[in-house]
PDB file of N, CA and C in Angstrom:
ATOM      1  N   UNK A   1      48.436  23.153  52.104  1.00  0.00           N
ATOM      2  CA  UNK A   1      48.564  22.790  50.698  1.00  0.00           C
ATOM      3  C   UNK A   1      47.544  23.589  49.893  1.00  0.00           C
ATOM      4  N   UNK A   2      47.978  24.217  48.839  1.00  0.00           N
ATOM      5  CA  UNK A   2      47.115  25.015  47.968  1.00  0.00           C
ATOM      6  C   UNK A   2      46.246  24.105  47.101  1.00  0.00           C
ATOM      7  N   UNK A   3      44.954  24.395  46.987  1.00  0.00           N
ATOM      8  CA  UNK A   3      44.103  23.619  46.078  1.00  0.00           C
ATOM      9  C   UNK A   3      44.593  23.749  44.642  1.00  0.00           C
ATOM     10  N   UNK A   4      44.461  22.686  43.894  1.00  0.00           N
ATOM     11  CA  UNK A   4      44.932  22.646  42.518  1.00  0.00           C
ATOM     12  C   UNK A   4      43.876  23.098  41.518  1.00  0.00           C
ATOM     13  N   UNK A   5      42.612  22.918  41.849  1.00  0.00           N
ATOM     14  CA  UNK A   5      41.547  23.248  40.908  1.00  0.00           C
ATOM     15  C   UNK A   5      40.386  23.894  41.650  1.00  0.00           C
ATOM     16  N   UNK A   6      39.476  24.470  40.897  1.00  0.00           N
ATOM     17  CA  UNK A   6      38.272  25.047  41.488  1.00  0.00           C
ATOM     18  C   UNK A   6      37.484  23.962  42.207  1.00  0.00           C
ATOM     19  N   UNK A   7      37.420  22.772  41.639  1.00  0.00           N
ATOM     20  CA  UNK A   7      36.668  21.692  42.260  1.00  0.00           C
ATOM     21  C   UNK A   7      37.241  21.351  43.634  1.00  0.00           C
ATOM     22  N   UNK A   8      38.557  21.377  43.776  1.00  0.00           N
ATOM     23  CA  UNK A   8      39.155  21.101  45.075  1.00  0.00           C
ATOM     24  C   UNK A   8      38.838  22.223  46.062  1.00  0.00           C
ATOM     25  N   UNK A   9      38.703  23.454  45.572  1.00  0.00           N
ATOM     26  CA  UNK A   9      38.299  24.560  46.436  1.00  0.00           C
ATOM     27  C   UNK A   9      36.907  24.325  47.001  1.00  0.00           C
ATOM     28  N   UNK A  10      36.058  23.705  46.229  1.00  0.00           N
ATOM     29  CA  UNK A  10      34.673  23.475  46.607  1.00  0.00           C
ATOM     30  C   UNK A  10      34.494  22.254  47.501  1.00  0.00           C
ATOM     31  N   UNK A  11      35.555  21.576  47.848  1.00  0.00           N
ATOM     32  CA  UNK A  11      35.481  20.387  48.689  1.00  0.00           C
ATOM     33  C   UNK A  11      35.056  20.795  50.094  1.00  0.00           C
ATOM     34  N   UNK A  12      33.842  20.494  50.447  1.00  0.00           N
ATOM     35  CA  UNK A  12      33.292  20.890  51.746  1.00  0.00           C
ATOM     36  C   UNK A  12      33.852  20.000  52.848  1.00  0.00           C
ATOM     37  N   UNK A  13      33.632  20.437  54.074  1.00  0.00           N
ATOM     38  CA  UNK A  13      34.070  19.641  55.218  1.00  0.00           C
ATOM     39  C   UNK A  13      33.430  18.258  55.184  1.00  0.00           C
ATOM     40  N   UNK A  14      32.140  18.189  54.882  1.00  0.00           N
ATOM     41  CA  UNK A  14      31.448  16.905  54.838  1.00  0.00           C
ATOM     42  C   UNK A  14      32.014  15.970  53.778  1.00  0.00           C
ATOM     43  N   UNK A  15      32.313  16.519  52.615  1.00  0.00           N
ATOM     44  CA  UNK A  15      32.891  15.708  51.538  1.00  0.00           C
ATOM     45  C   UNK A  15      34.295  15.243  51.927  1.00  0.00           C
ATOM     46  N   UNK A  16      35.073  16.147  52.509  1.00  0.00           N
ATOM     47  CA  UNK A  16      36.429  15.790  52.942  1.00  0.00           C
ATOM     48  C   UNK A  16      36.378  14.674  53.990  1.00  0.00           C
ATOM     49  N   UNK A  17      35.443  14.792  54.922  1.00  0.00           N
ATOM     50  CA  UNK A  17      35.289  13.771  55.958  1.00  0.00           C
ATOM     51  C   UNK A  17      34.932  12.415  55.333  1.00  0.00           C
ATOM     52  N   UNK A  18      34.000  12.418  54.384  1.00  0.00           N
ATOM     53  CA  UNK A  18      33.618  11.178  53.700  1.00  0.00           C
ATOM     54  C   UNK A  18      34.818  10.578  52.974  1.00  0.00           C
ATOM     55  N   UNK A  19      35.570  11.393  52.281  1.00  0.00           N
ATOM     56  CA  UNK A  19      36.743  10.914  51.551  1.00  0.00           C
ATOM     57  C   UNK A  19      37.745  10.277  52.508  1.00  0.00           C
ATOM     58  N   UNK A  20      38.015  10.932  53.623  1.00  0.00           N
ATOM     59  CA  UNK A  20      39.007  10.419  54.564  1.00  0.00           C
ATOM     60  C   UNK A  20      38.523   9.157  55.282  1.00  0.00           C
ATOM     61  N   UNK A  21      37.255   9.106  55.628  1.00  0.00           N
ATOM     62  CA  UNK A  21      36.711   7.892  56.258  1.00  0.00           C
ATOM     63  C   UNK A  21      36.707   6.727  55.271  1.00  0.00           C
ATOM     64  N   UNK A  22      36.391   7.028  54.021  1.00  0.00           N
ATOM     65  CA  UNK A  22      36.417   5.982  53.002  1.00  0.00           C
ATOM     66  C   UNK A  22      37.832   5.457  52.806  1.00  0.00           C
ATOM     67  N   UNK A  23      38.815   6.357  52.750  1.00  0.00           N
ATOM     68  CA  UNK A  23      40.208   5.949  52.583  1.00  0.00           C
ATOM     69  C   UNK A  23      40.646   5.063  53.748  1.00  0.00           C
ATOM     70  N   UNK A  24      40.253   5.420  54.952  1.00  0.00           N
ATOM     71  CA  UNK A  24      40.592   4.612  56.125  1.00  0.00           C
ATOM     72  C   UNK A  24      39.964   3.225  56.017  1.00  0.00           C
ATOM     73  N   UNK A  25      38.718   3.166  55.602  1.00  0.00           N
ATOM     74  CA  UNK A  25      38.009   1.898  55.434  1.00  0.00           C
ATOM     75  C   UNK A  25      38.688   1.041  54.371  1.00  0.00           C
ATOM     76  N   UNK A  26      39.067   1.660  53.256  1.00  0.00           N
ATOM     77  CA  UNK A  26      39.725   0.934  52.165  1.00  0.00           C
ATOM     78  C   UNK A  26      41.084   0.399  52.630  1.00  0.00           C
ATOM     79  N   UNK A  27      41.832   1.203  53.396  1.00  0.00           N
ATOM     80  CA  UNK A  27      43.128   0.734  53.925  1.00  0.00           C
ATOM     81  C   UNK A  27      42.940  -0.487  54.825  1.00  0.00           C
ATOM     82  N   UNK A  28      41.910  -0.460  55.658  1.00  0.00           N
ATOM     83  CA  UNK A  28      41.653  -1.581  56.575  1.00  0.00           C
ATOM     84  C   UNK A  28      41.274  -2.852  55.819  1.00  0.00           C
ATOM     85  N   UNK A  29      40.713  -2.695  54.646  1.00  0.00           N
ATOM     86  CA  UNK A  29      40.258  -3.848  53.860  1.00  0.00           C
ATOM     87  C   UNK A  29      41.093  -4.017  52.589  1.00  0.00           C
ATOM     88  N   UNK A  30      42.359  -3.725  52.699  1.00  0.00           N
ATOM     89  CA  UNK A  30      43.267  -3.830  51.541  1.00  0.00           C
ATOM     90  C   UNK A  30      43.220  -5.242  50.968  1.00  0.00           C
ATOM     91  N   UNK A  31      43.331  -5.302  49.668  1.00  0.00           N
ATOM     92  CA  UNK A  31      43.338  -6.596  48.986  1.00  0.00           C
ATOM     93  C   UNK A  31      41.949  -7.085  48.617  1.00  0.00           C
ATOM     94  N   UNK A  32      40.934  -6.293  48.931  1.00  0.00           N
ATOM     95  CA  UNK A  32      39.572  -6.679  48.555  1.00  0.00           C
ATOM     96  C   UNK A  32      39.082  -5.722  47.468  1.00  0.00           C
ATOM     97  N   UNK A  33      37.903  -5.984  46.998  1.00  0.00           N
ATOM     98  CA  UNK A  33      37.321  -5.130  45.950  1.00  0.00           C
ATOM     99  C   UNK A  33      36.388  -4.082  46.553  1.00  0.00           C
ATOM    100  N   UNK A  34      36.745  -3.581  47.722  1.00  0.00           N
ATOM    101  CA  UNK A  34      35.874  -2.672  48.461  1.00  0.00           C
ATOM    102  C   UNK A  34      35.545  -1.404  47.663  1.00  0.00           C
ATOM    103  N   UNK A  35      36.495  -0.853  46.935  1.00  0.00           N
ATOM    104  CA  UNK A  35      36.216   0.345  46.135  1.00  0.00           C
ATOM    105  C   UNK A  35      35.134   0.064  45.093  1.00  0.00           C
ATOM    106  N   UNK A  36      35.236  -1.054  44.414  1.00  0.00           N
ATOM    107  CA  UNK A  36      34.248  -1.395  43.389  1.00  0.00           C
ATOM    108  C   UNK A  36      32.871  -1.626  44.019  1.00  0.00           C
ATOM    109  N   UNK A  37      32.846  -2.247  45.198  1.00  0.00           N
ATOM    110  CA  UNK A  37      31.567  -2.488  45.862  1.00  0.00           C
ATOM    111  C   UNK A  37      30.921  -1.185  46.312  1.00  0.00           C
ATOM    112  N   UNK A  38      31.727  -0.252  46.828  1.00  0.00           N
ATOM    113  CA  UNK A  38      31.178   1.047  47.230  1.00  0.00           C
ATOM    114  C   UNK A  38      30.614   1.796  46.029  1.00  0.00           C
ATOM    115  N   UNK A  39      31.356   1.793  44.933  1.00  0.00           N
ATOM    116  CA  UNK A  39      30.889   2.460  43.712  1.00  0.00           C
ATOM    117  C   UNK A  39      29.611   1.825  43.179  1.00  0.00           C
ATOM    118  N   UNK A  40      29.528   0.506  43.244  1.00  0.00           N
ATOM    119  CA  UNK A  40      28.334  -0.180  42.753  1.00  0.00           C
ATOM    120  C   UNK A  40      27.125   0.118  43.638  1.00  0.00           C
ATOM    121  N   UNK A  41      27.356   0.249  44.935  1.00  0.00           N
ATOM    122  CA  UNK A  41      26.263   0.486  45.880  1.00  0.00           C
ATOM    123  C   UNK A  41      25.728   1.911  45.792  1.00  0.00           C
ATOM    124  N   UNK A  42      26.638   2.892  45.773  1.00  0.00           N
ATOM    125  CA  UNK A  42      26.231   4.302  45.737  1.00  0.00           C
ATOM    126  C   UNK A  42      27.169   5.094  44.832  1.00  0.00           C
ATOM    127  N   UNK A  43      26.963   4.994  43.514  1.00  0.00           N
ATOM    128  CA  UNK A  43      27.892   5.619  42.566  1.00  0.00           C
ATOM    129  C   UNK A  43      28.056   7.131  42.730  1.00  0.00           C
ATOM    130  N   UNK A  44      26.993   7.853  43.048  1.00  0.00           N
ATOM    131  CA  UNK A  44      27.140   9.306  43.172  1.00  0.00           C
ATOM    132  C   UNK A  44      27.855   9.687  44.465  1.00  0.00           C
ATOM    133  N   UNK A  45      27.610   8.969  45.537  1.00  0.00           N
ATOM    134  CA  UNK A  45      28.242   9.270  46.822  1.00  0.00           C
ATOM    135  C   UNK A  45      29.741   8.997  46.786  1.00  0.00           C
ATOM    136  N   UNK A  46      30.149   7.948  46.087  1.00  0.00           N
ATOM    137  CA  UNK A  46      31.558   7.543  46.062  1.00  0.00           C
ATOM    138  C   UNK A  46      32.214   7.801  44.706  1.00  0.00           C
ATOM    139  N   UNK A  47      31.700   8.770  43.967  1.00  0.00           N
ATOM    140  CA  UNK A  47      32.241   9.087  42.643  1.00  0.00           C
ATOM    141  C   UNK A  47      33.721   9.457  42.695  1.00  0.00           C
ATOM    142  N   UNK A  48      34.182  10.006  43.823  1.00  0.00           N
ATOM    143  CA  UNK A  48      35.590  10.398  43.957  1.00  0.00           C
ATOM    144  C   UNK A  48      36.547   9.210  43.883  1.00  0.00           C
ATOM    145  N   UNK A  49      36.034   8.003  43.929  1.00  0.00           N
ATOM    146  CA  UNK A  49      36.884   6.818  43.774  1.00  0.00           C
ATOM    147  C   UNK A  49      37.338   6.636  42.322  1.00  0.00           C
ATOM    148  N   UNK A  50      36.675   7.298  41.404  1.00  0.00           N
ATOM    149  CA  UNK A  50      37.024   7.199  39.989  1.00  0.00           C
ATOM    150  C   UNK A  50      38.116   8.206  39.644  1.00  0.00           C
ATOM    151  N   UNK A  51      39.085   7.770  38.857  1.00  0.00           N
ATOM    152  CA  UNK A  51      40.255   8.593  38.528  1.00  0.00           C
ATOM    153  C   UNK A  51      39.901   9.935  37.906  1.00  0.00           C
ATOM    154  N   UNK A  52      38.860  10.021  37.126  1.00  0.00           N
ATOM    155  CA  UNK A  52      38.531  11.269  36.435  1.00  0.00           C
ATOM    156  C   UNK A  52      37.811  12.271  37.332  1.00  0.00           C
ATOM    157  N   UNK A  53      37.427  11.885  38.523  1.00  0.00           N
ATOM    158  CA  UNK A  53      36.705  12.793  39.420  1.00  0.00           C
ATOM    159  C   UNK A  53      37.656  13.852  39.987  1.00  0.00           C
ATOM    160  N   UNK A  54      37.205  15.104  40.067  1.00  0.00           N
ATOM    161  CA  UNK A  54      38.078  16.189  40.541  1.00  0.00           C
ATOM    162  C   UNK A  54      38.593  16.000  41.976  1.00  0.00           C
ATOM    163  N   UNK A  55      37.892  15.230  42.800  1.00  0.00           N
ATOM    164  CA  UNK A  55      38.343  15.017  44.179  1.00  0.00           C
ATOM    165  C   UNK A  55      39.150  13.739  44.349  1.00  0.00           C
ATOM    166  N   UNK A  56      39.437  13.042  43.274  1.00  0.00           N
ATOM    167  CA  UNK A  56      40.172  11.775  43.362  1.00  0.00           C
ATOM    168  C   UNK A  56      41.568  11.969  43.963  1.00  0.00           C
ATOM    169  N   UNK A  57      42.235  13.072  43.649  1.00  0.00           N
ATOM    170  CA  UNK A  57      43.570  13.308  44.211  1.00  0.00           C
ATOM    171  C   UNK A  57      43.517  13.447  45.728  1.00  0.00           C
ATOM    172  N   UNK A  58      42.477  14.072  46.240  1.00  0.00           N
ATOM    173  CA  UNK A  58      42.302  14.172  47.700  1.00  0.00           C
ATOM    174  C   UNK A  58      42.141  12.778  48.297  1.00  0.00           C
ATOM    175  N   UNK A  59      41.388  11.930  47.615  1.00  0.00           N
ATOM    176  CA  UNK A  59      41.208  10.548  48.060  1.00  0.00           C
ATOM    177  C   UNK A  59      42.549   9.814  48.066  1.00  0.00           C
ATOM    178  N   UNK A  60      43.330   9.955  47.016  1.00  0.00           N
ATOM    179  CA  UNK A  60      44.629   9.272  46.965  1.00  0.00           C
ATOM    180  C   UNK A  60      45.547   9.748  48.076  1.00  0.00           C
ATOM    181  N   UNK A  61      45.559  11.055  48.337  1.00  0.00           N
ATOM    182  CA  UNK A  61      46.385  11.587  49.434  1.00  0.00           C
ATOM    183  C   UNK A  61      45.915  11.000  50.771  1.00  0.00           C
ATOM    184  N   UNK A  62      44.618  10.912  50.972  1.00  0.00           N
ATOM    185  CA  UNK A  62      44.079  10.339  52.212  1.00  0.00           C
ATOM    186  C   UNK A  62      44.410   8.861  52.310  1.00  0.00           C
ATOM    187  N   UNK A  63      44.330   8.176  51.193  1.00  0.00           N
ATOM    188  CA  UNK A  63      44.616   6.744  51.165  1.00  0.00           C
ATOM    189  C   UNK A  63      46.063   6.469  51.552  1.00  0.00           C
ATOM    190  N   UNK A  64      46.950   7.370  51.146  1.00  0.00           N
ATOM    191  CA  UNK A  64      48.368   7.228  51.476  1.00  0.00           C
ATOM    192  C   UNK A  64      48.715   7.842  52.832  1.00  0.00           C
ATOM    193  N   UNK A  65      47.723   8.424  53.478  1.00  0.00           N
ATOM    194  CA  UNK A  65      47.941   9.032  54.778  1.00  0.00           C
ATOM    195  C   UNK A  65      48.679  10.345  54.716  1.00  0.00           C
ATOM    196  N   UNK A  66      48.576  11.042  53.585  1.00  0.00           N
ATOM    197  CA  UNK A  66      49.309  12.304  53.391  1.00  0.00           C
ATOM    198  C   UNK A  66      48.405  13.519  53.422  1.00  0.00           C
ATOM    199  N   UNK A  67      47.150  13.330  53.725  1.00  0.00           N
ATOM    200  CA  UNK A  67      46.236  14.481  53.736  1.00  0.00           C
ATOM    201  C   UNK A  67      45.732  14.746  55.127  1.00  0.00           C
TER     202      UNK A  67
END
């Protein structure tokens, strides 16, 4: 899949791994406020959970199991 933006090009292996592990964790805890709790605990680390973040689409793809 071709990256859509420069920010997606800059997605490092470590960031991608964090995004995918977070998506897996969120799927396991569906129906809870886990995303909000992660953002409240470490806002800069989990900034990709916010819709306006350039890596949010990667998170959504991982959450749906399509990445």
